[in-house]
C-alpha cells in the first residue's frame, strides 16, 4: 500500500510564504515552530520540505553505514 497523498494546493504569498494545508500538517505531524528544510532542483523545477528530525535520521543512517557504502563503491570499480 502506498503512503503518498495530494493534500491540495498552496499559494506563494508576496513575501514568499506558503501555508501548508491543515490536513497535511496534522497527518505528517508538523507543529508550529518545527524546522523544515527546503530541498529542490533548479532543472527539475520541484521543491519539497523535510522535517529536521527526518533529515537528522537520514544523515545518521548514512553515516552509520558509511563503511558499507565505501566497500560497495570500491568493489564496483
PDB file of N, CA and C in Angstrom:
ATOM      1  N   UNK A   1       0.841  -1.174   0.000  1.00  0.00           N
ATOM      2  CA  UNK A   1       0.000   0.000   0.000  1.00  0.00           C
ATOM      3  C   UNK A   1       0.889   1.241   0.000  1.00  0.00           C
ATOM      4  N   UNK A   2       0.576   2.212  -0.806  1.00  0.00           N
ATOM      5  CA  UNK A   2       1.399   3.414  -0.871  1.00  0.00           C
ATOM      6  C   UNK A   2       0.973   4.421   0.189  1.00  0.00           C
ATOM      7  N   UNK A   3       1.891   5.316   0.522  1.00  0.00           N
ATOM      8  CA  UNK A   3       1.593   6.317   1.540  1.00  0.00           C
ATOM      9  C   UNK A   3       1.655   7.733   0.983  1.00  0.00           C
ATOM     10  N   UNK A   4       1.490   7.878  -0.313  1.00  0.00           N
ATOM     11  CA  UNK A   4       1.532   9.188  -0.964  1.00  0.00           C
ATOM     12  C   UNK A   4       0.125   9.767  -1.019  1.00  0.00           C
ATOM     13  N   UNK A   5       0.042  11.083  -0.883  1.00  0.00           N
ATOM     14  CA  UNK A   5      -1.265  11.721  -0.926  1.00  0.00           C
ATOM     15  C   UNK A   5      -1.091  13.160  -1.391  1.00  0.00           C
ATOM     16  N   UNK A   6      -1.982  13.627  -2.207  1.00  0.00           N
ATOM     17  CA  UNK A   6      -2.035  15.024  -2.604  1.00  0.00           C
ATOM     18  C   UNK A   6      -2.940  15.737  -1.616  1.00  0.00           C
ATOM     19  N   UNK A   7      -2.398  16.683  -0.873  1.00  0.00           N
ATOM     20  CA  UNK A   7      -3.153  17.359   0.178  1.00  0.00           C
ATOM     21  C   UNK A   7      -3.855  18.622  -0.288  1.00  0.00           C
ATOM     22  N   UNK A   8      -3.656  19.008  -1.504  1.00  0.00           N
ATOM     23  CA  UNK A   8      -4.281  20.224  -2.003  1.00  0.00           C
ATOM     24  C   UNK A   8      -3.231  21.149  -2.575  1.00  0.00           C
ATOM     25  N   UNK A   9      -3.574  22.418  -2.631  1.00  0.00           N
ATOM     26  CA  UNK A   9      -2.653  23.389  -3.196  1.00  0.00           C
ATOM     27  C   UNK A   9      -2.266  24.419  -2.143  1.00  0.00           C
ATOM     28  N   UNK A  10      -1.189  25.121  -2.424  1.00  0.00           N
ATOM     29  CA  UNK A  10      -0.745  26.225  -1.583  1.00  0.00           C
ATOM     30  C   UNK A  10      -0.327  27.353  -2.519  1.00  0.00           C
ATOM     31  N   UNK A  11      -0.596  28.553  -2.118  1.00  0.00           N
ATOM     32  CA  UNK A  11      -0.242  29.719  -2.925  1.00  0.00           C
ATOM     33  C   UNK A  11       0.923  30.439  -2.261  1.00  0.00           C
ATOM     34  N   UNK A  12       1.900  30.826  -3.073  1.00  0.00           N
ATOM     35  CA  UNK A  12       3.037  31.584  -2.565  1.00  0.00           C
ATOM     36  C   UNK A  12       2.613  33.038  -2.428  1.00  0.00           C
ATOM     37  N   UNK A  13       2.759  33.592  -1.235  1.00  0.00           N
ATOM     38  CA  UNK A  13       2.400  34.984  -0.988  1.00  0.00           C
ATOM     39  C   UNK A  13       3.494  35.932  -1.450  1.00  0.00           C
ATOM     40  N   UNK A  14       3.241  37.221  -1.322  1.00  0.00           N
ATOM     41  CA  UNK A  14       4.195  38.235  -1.779  1.00  0.00           C
ATOM     42  C   UNK A  14       5.510  38.199  -1.019  1.00  0.00           C
ATOM     43  N   UNK A  15       5.523  37.655   0.187  1.00  0.00           N
ATOM     44  CA  UNK A  15       6.748  37.524   0.975  1.00  0.00           C
ATOM     45  C   UNK A  15       7.402  36.151   0.785  1.00  0.00           C
ATOM     46  N   UNK A  16       6.890  35.350  -0.154  1.00  0.00           N
ATOM     47  CA  UNK A  16       7.446  34.027  -0.411  1.00  0.00           C
ATOM     48  C   UNK A  16       6.961  32.968   0.565  1.00  0.00           C
ATOM     49  N   UNK A  17       5.981  33.287   1.371  1.00  0.00           N
ATOM     50  CA  UNK A  17       5.482  32.342   2.353  1.00  0.00           C
ATOM     51  C   UNK A  17       4.429  31.425   1.741  1.00  0.00           C
ATOM     52  N   UNK A  18       4.426  30.185   2.218  1.00  0.00           N
ATOM     53  CA  UNK A  18       3.473  29.180   1.760  1.00  0.00           C
ATOM     54  C   UNK A  18       2.797  28.587   2.991  1.00  0.00           C
ATOM     55  N   UNK A  19       1.490  28.437   2.929  1.00  0.00           N
ATOM     56  CA  UNK A  19       0.758  27.791   4.015  1.00  0.00           C
ATOM     57  C   UNK A  19       0.577  26.318   3.646  1.00  0.00           C
ATOM     58  N   UNK A  20       1.045  25.442   4.526  1.00  0.00           N
ATOM     59  CA  UNK A  20       0.895  24.002   4.322  1.00  0.00           C
ATOM     60  C   UNK A  20      -0.532  23.643   4.742  1.00  0.00           C
ATOM     61  N   UNK A  21      -1.271  22.943   3.891  1.00  0.00           N
ATOM     62  CA  UNK A  21      -2.652  22.598   4.239  1.00  0.00           C
ATOM     63  C   UNK A  21      -2.756  21.909   5.604  1.00  0.00           C
ATOM     64  N   UNK A  22      -3.813  22.249   6.343  1.00  0.00           N
ATOM     65  CA  UNK A  22      -4.009  21.744   7.705  1.00  0.00           C
ATOM     66  C   UNK A  22      -3.984  20.220   7.769  1.00  0.00           C
ATOM     67  N   UNK A  23      -4.629  19.559   6.812  1.00  0.00           N
ATOM     68  CA  UNK A  23      -4.664  18.089   6.827  1.00  0.00           C
ATOM     69  C   UNK A  23      -3.257  17.523   6.730  1.00  0.00           C
ATOM     70  N   UNK A  24      -2.426  18.113   5.883  1.00  0.00           N
ATOM     71  CA  UNK A  24      -1.049  17.648   5.740  1.00  0.00           C
ATOM     72  C   UNK A  24      -0.279  17.858   7.037  1.00  0.00           C
ATOM     73  N   UNK A  25      -0.428  19.036   7.643  1.00  0.00           N
ATOM     74  CA  UNK A  25       0.269  19.313   8.905  1.00  0.00           C
ATOM     75  C   UNK A  25      -0.144  18.323   9.984  1.00  0.00           C
ATOM     76  N   UNK A  26      -1.438  18.022  10.033  1.00  0.00           N
ATOM     77  CA  UNK A  26      -1.948  17.108  11.050  1.00  0.00           C
ATOM     78  C   UNK A  26      -1.427  15.685  10.848  1.00  0.00           C
ATOM     79  N   UNK A  27      -1.562  15.171   9.645  1.00  0.00           N
ATOM     80  CA  UNK A  27      -1.160  13.790   9.360  1.00  0.00           C
ATOM     81  C   UNK A  27       0.353  13.604   9.461  1.00  0.00           C
ATOM     82  N   UNK A  28       1.108  14.580   8.962  1.00  0.00           N
ATOM     83  CA  UNK A  28       2.568  14.467   8.968  1.00  0.00           C
ATOM     84  C   UNK A  28       3.146  14.826  10.335  1.00  0.00           C
ATOM     85  N   UNK A  29       2.373  15.560  11.119  1.00  0.00           N
ATOM     86  CA  UNK A  29       2.830  15.915  12.462  1.00  0.00           C
ATOM     87  C   UNK A  29       3.659  17.182  12.500  1.00  0.00           C
ATOM     88  N   UNK A  30       3.359  18.123  11.643  1.00  0.00           N
ATOM     89  CA  UNK A  30       4.075  19.403  11.630  1.00  0.00           C
ATOM     90  C   UNK A  30       3.399  20.338  12.628  1.00  0.00           C
ATOM     91  N   UNK A  31       4.197  20.829  13.559  1.00  0.00           N
ATOM     92  CA  UNK A  31       3.699  21.706  14.618  1.00  0.00           C
ATOM     93  C   UNK A  31       4.303  23.100  14.468  1.00  0.00           C
ATOM     94  N   UNK A  32       3.625  24.123  14.991  1.00  0.00           N
ATOM     95  CA  UNK A  32       4.212  25.467  14.974  1.00  0.00           C
ATOM     96  C   UNK A  32       5.602  25.444  15.616  1.00  0.00           C
ATOM     97  N   UNK A  33       6.546  26.083  14.986  1.00  0.00           N
ATOM     98  CA  UNK A  33       7.917  26.131  15.497  1.00  0.00           C
ATOM     99  C   UNK A  33       8.818  25.038  14.957  1.00  0.00           C
ATOM    100  N   UNK A  34       8.253  24.015  14.300  1.00  0.00           N
ATOM    101  CA  UNK A  34       9.081  22.961  13.696  1.00  0.00           C
ATOM    102  C   UNK A  34       9.967  23.565  12.612  1.00  0.00           C
ATOM    103  N   UNK A  35      11.179  23.025  12.500  1.00  0.00           N
ATOM    104  CA  UNK A  35      12.087  23.458  11.439  1.00  0.00           C
ATOM    105  C   UNK A  35      11.919  22.518  10.248  1.00  0.00           C
ATOM    106  N   UNK A  36      11.683  23.103   9.088  1.00  0.00           N
ATOM    107  CA  UNK A  36      11.565  22.343   7.853  1.00  0.00           C
ATOM    108  C   UNK A  36      12.678  22.785   6.920  1.00  0.00           C
ATOM    109  N   UNK A  37      13.367  21.842   6.321  1.00  0.00           N
ATOM    110  CA  UNK A  37      14.401  22.154   5.349  1.00  0.00           C
ATOM    111  C   UNK A  37      13.774  22.121   3.965  1.00  0.00           C
ATOM    112  N   UNK A  38      14.122  23.099   3.162  1.00  0.00           N
ATOM    113  CA  UNK A  38      13.593  23.218   1.808  1.00  0.00           C
ATOM    114  C   UNK A  38      14.617  22.606   0.861  1.00  0.00           C
ATOM    115  N   UNK A  39      14.167  21.640   0.063  1.00  0.00           N
ATOM    116  CA  UNK A  39      15.036  20.979  -0.912  1.00  0.00           C
ATOM    117  C   UNK A  39      14.395  21.102  -2.289  1.00  0.00           C
ATOM    118  N   UNK A  40      15.211  21.009  -3.311  1.00  0.00           N
ATOM    119  CA  UNK A  40      14.635  21.108  -4.645  1.00  0.00           C
ATOM    120  C   UNK A  40      15.694  21.030  -5.723  1.00  0.00           C
ATOM    121  N   UNK A  41      15.259  21.254  -6.929  1.00  0.00           N
ATOM    122  CA  UNK A  41      16.112  21.167  -8.104  1.00  0.00           C
ATOM    123  C   UNK A  41      15.768  22.294  -9.062  1.00  0.00           C
ATOM    124  N   UNK A  42      16.785  23.040  -9.476  1.00  0.00           N
ATOM    125  CA  UNK A  42      16.547  24.096 -10.468  1.00  0.00           C
ATOM    126  C   UNK A  42      16.097  23.486 -11.791  1.00  0.00           C
ATOM    127  N   UNK A  43      16.790  22.441 -12.213  1.00  0.00           N
ATOM    128  CA  UNK A  43      16.490  21.845 -13.522  1.00  0.00           C
ATOM    129  C   UNK A  43      15.176  21.078 -13.520  1.00  0.00           C
ATOM    130  N   UNK A  44      14.891  20.399 -12.444  1.00  0.00           N
ATOM    131  CA  UNK A  44      13.650  19.636 -12.357  1.00  0.00           C
ATOM    132  C   UNK A  44      12.467  20.494 -11.956  1.00  0.00           C
ATOM    133  N   UNK A  45      12.768  21.701 -11.509  1.00  0.00           N
ATOM    134  CA  UNK A  45      11.744  22.663 -11.094  1.00  0.00           C
ATOM    135  C   UNK A  45      10.763  22.080 -10.085  1.00  0.00           C
ATOM    136  N   UNK A  46      11.319  21.489  -9.029  1.00  0.00           N
ATOM    137  CA  UNK A  46      10.477  20.969  -7.959  1.00  0.00           C
ATOM    138  C   UNK A  46      11.034  21.468  -6.635  1.00  0.00           C
ATOM    139  N   UNK A  47      10.202  21.478  -5.637  1.00  0.00           N
ATOM    140  CA  UNK A  47      10.603  21.876  -4.299  1.00  0.00           C
ATOM    141  C   UNK A  47       9.886  20.965  -3.298  1.00  0.00           C
ATOM    142  N   UNK A  48      10.553  20.664  -2.216  1.00  0.00           N
ATOM    143  CA  UNK A  48       9.951  19.829  -1.189  1.00  0.00           C
ATOM    144  C   UNK A  48      10.413  20.273   0.182  1.00  0.00           C
ATOM    145  N   UNK A  49       9.759  19.786   1.193  1.00  0.00           N
ATOM    146  CA  UNK A  49      10.093  20.105   2.574  1.00  0.00           C
ATOM    147  C   UNK A  49      10.380  18.817   3.326  1.00  0.00           C
ATOM    148  N   UNK A  50      11.351  18.869   4.226  1.00  0.00           N
ATOM    149  CA  UNK A  50      11.634  17.719   5.081  1.00  0.00           C
ATOM    150  C   UNK A  50      11.821  18.232   6.500  1.00  0.00           C
ATOM    151  N   UNK A  51      11.190  17.535   7.439  1.00  0.00           N
ATOM    152  CA  UNK A  51      11.313  17.925   8.843  1.00  0.00           C
ATOM    153  C   UNK A  51      12.741  17.693   9.317  1.00  0.00           C
ATOM    154  N   UNK A  52      13.193  18.564  10.206  1.00  0.00           N
ATOM    155  CA  UNK A  52      14.564  18.489  10.703  1.00  0.00           C
ATOM    156  C   UNK A  52      14.883  17.114  11.292  1.00  0.00           C
ATOM    157  N   UNK A  53      13.968  16.549  12.054  1.00  0.00           N
ATOM    158  CA  UNK A  53      14.218  15.237  12.668  1.00  0.00           C
ATOM    159  C   UNK A  53      14.344  14.135  11.614  1.00  0.00           C
ATOM    160  N   UNK A  54      13.555  14.224  10.538  1.00  0.00           N
ATOM    161  CA  UNK A  54      13.662  13.239   9.453  1.00  0.00           C
ATOM    162  C   UNK A  54      15.023  13.350   8.777  1.00  0.00           C
ATOM    163  N   UNK A  55      15.454  14.575   8.507  1.00  0.00           N
ATOM    164  CA  UNK A  55      16.753  14.786   7.874  1.00  0.00           C
ATOM    165  C   UNK A  55      17.868  14.281   8.782  1.00  0.00           C
ATOM    166  N   UNK A  56      17.756  14.566  10.063  1.00  0.00           N
ATOM    167  CA  UNK A  56      18.756  14.093  11.029  1.00  0.00           C
ATOM    168  C   UNK A  56      18.826  12.565  11.024  1.00  0.00           C
ATOM    169  N   UNK A  57      17.676  11.906  10.968  1.00  0.00           N
ATOM    170  CA  UNK A  57      17.626  10.445  10.944  1.00  0.00           C
ATOM    171  C   UNK A  57      18.291   9.886   9.686  1.00  0.00           C
ATOM    172  N   UNK A  58      18.021  10.507   8.548  1.00  0.00           N
ATOM    173  CA  UNK A  58      18.633  10.063   7.290  1.00  0.00           C
ATOM    174  C   UNK A  58      20.148  10.197   7.356  1.00  0.00           C
ATOM    175  N   UNK A  59      20.624  11.328   7.862  1.00  0.00           N
ATOM    176  CA  UNK A  59      22.068  11.554   7.969  1.00  0.00           C
ATOM    177  C   UNK A  59      22.703  10.545   8.914  1.00  0.00           C
ATOM    178  N   UNK A  60      22.040  10.255  10.035  1.00  0.00           N
ATOM    179  CA  UNK A  60      22.568   9.268  10.978  1.00  0.00           C
ATOM    180  C   UNK A  60      22.666   7.891  10.332  1.00  0.00           C
ATOM    181  N   UNK A  61      21.628   7.494   9.586  1.00  0.00           N
ATOM    182  CA  UNK A  61      21.654   6.188   8.925  1.00  0.00           C
ATOM    183  C   UNK A  61      22.778   6.116   7.901  1.00  0.00           C
ATOM    184  N   UNK A  62      22.946   7.187   7.133  1.00  0.00           N
ATOM    185  CA  UNK A  62      24.015   7.207   6.131  1.00  0.00           C
ATOM    186  C   UNK A  62      25.384   7.148   6.800  1.00  0.00           C
ATOM    187  N   UNK A  63      25.572   7.949   7.842  1.00  0.00           N
ATOM    188  CA  UNK A  63      26.882   7.980   8.494  1.00  0.00           C
ATOM    189  C   UNK A  63      27.159   6.685   9.251  1.00  0.00           C
ATOM    190  N   UNK A  64      26.141   6.047   9.798  1.00  0.00           N
ATOM    191  CA  UNK A  64      26.337   4.771  10.486  1.00  0.00           C
ATOM    192  C   UNK A  64      26.805   3.682   9.525  1.00  0.00           C
ATOM    193  N   UNK A  65      26.418   3.797   8.267  1.00  0.00           N
ATOM    194  CA  UNK A  65      26.731   2.767   7.280  1.00  0.00           C
ATOM    195  C   UNK A  65      27.769   3.210   6.257  1.00  0.00           C
ATOM    196  N   UNK A  66      28.522   4.256   6.551  1.00  0.00           N
ATOM    197  CA  UNK A  66      29.463   4.810   5.576  1.00  0.00           C
ATOM    198  C   UNK A  66      30.493   3.783   5.110  1.00  0.00           C
ATOM    199  N   UNK A  67      30.972   2.950   6.006  1.00  0.00           N
ATOM    200  CA  UNK A  67      31.967   1.948   5.619  1.00  0.00           C
ATOM    201  C   UNK A  67      31.376   0.931   4.643  1.00  0.00           C
ATOM    202  N   UNK A  68      30.132   0.562   4.846  1.00  0.00           N
ATOM    203  CA  UNK A  68      29.456  -0.362   3.937  1.00  0.00           C
ATOM    204  C   UNK A  68      29.359   0.272   2.549  1.00  0.00           C
ATOM    205  N   UNK A  69      28.965   1.547   2.506  1.00  0.00           N
ATOM    206  CA  UNK A  69      28.848   2.238   1.217  1.00  0.00           C
ATOM    207  C   UNK A  69      30.202   2.340   0.524  1.00  0.00           C
ATOM    208  N   UNK A  70      31.250   2.618   1.299  1.00  0.00           N
ATOM    209  CA  UNK A  70      32.600   2.699   0.723  1.00  0.00           C
ATOM    210  C   UNK A  70      33.002   1.357   0.116  1.00  0.00           C
ATOM    211  N   UNK A  71      32.722   0.257   0.834  1.00  0.00           N
ATOM    212  CA  UNK A  71      33.055  -1.072   0.344  1.00  0.00           C
ATOM    213  C   UNK A  71      32.318  -1.379  -0.951  1.00  0.00           C
ATOM    214  N   UNK A  72      31.037  -1.033  -1.006  1.00  0.00           N
ATOM    215  CA  UNK A  72      30.232  -1.285  -2.205  1.00  0.00           C
ATOM    216  C   UNK A  72      30.819  -0.500  -3.380  1.00  0.00           C
ATOM    217  N   UNK A  73      31.102   0.764  -3.164  1.00  0.00           N
ATOM    218  CA  UNK A  73      31.667   1.584  -4.235  1.00  0.00           C
ATOM    219  C   UNK A  73      33.025   1.064  -4.679  1.00  0.00           C
ATOM    220  N   UNK A  74      33.843   0.622  -3.726  1.00  0.00           N
ATOM    221  CA  UNK A  74      35.164   0.114  -4.055  1.00  0.00           C
ATOM    222  C   UNK A  74      35.097  -1.180  -4.879  1.00  0.00           C
ATOM    223  N   UNK A  75      34.155  -2.055  -4.570  1.00  0.00           N
ATOM    224  CA  UNK A  75      34.040  -3.324  -5.296  1.00  0.00           C
ATOM    225  C   UNK A  75      33.456  -3.126  -6.697  1.00  0.00           C
ATOM    226  N   UNK A  76      32.800  -1.997  -6.955  1.00  0.00           N
ATOM    227  CA  UNK A  76      32.210  -1.756  -8.268  1.00  0.00           C
ATOM    228  C   UNK A  76      33.216  -1.173  -9.257  1.00  0.00           C
ATOM    229  N   UNK A  77      34.387  -0.805  -8.802  1.00  0.00           N
ATOM    230  CA  UNK A  77      35.403  -0.224  -9.700  1.00  0.00           C
ATOM    231  C   UNK A  77      36.074  -1.260 -10.532  1.00  0.00           C
TER     232      UNK A  77
END
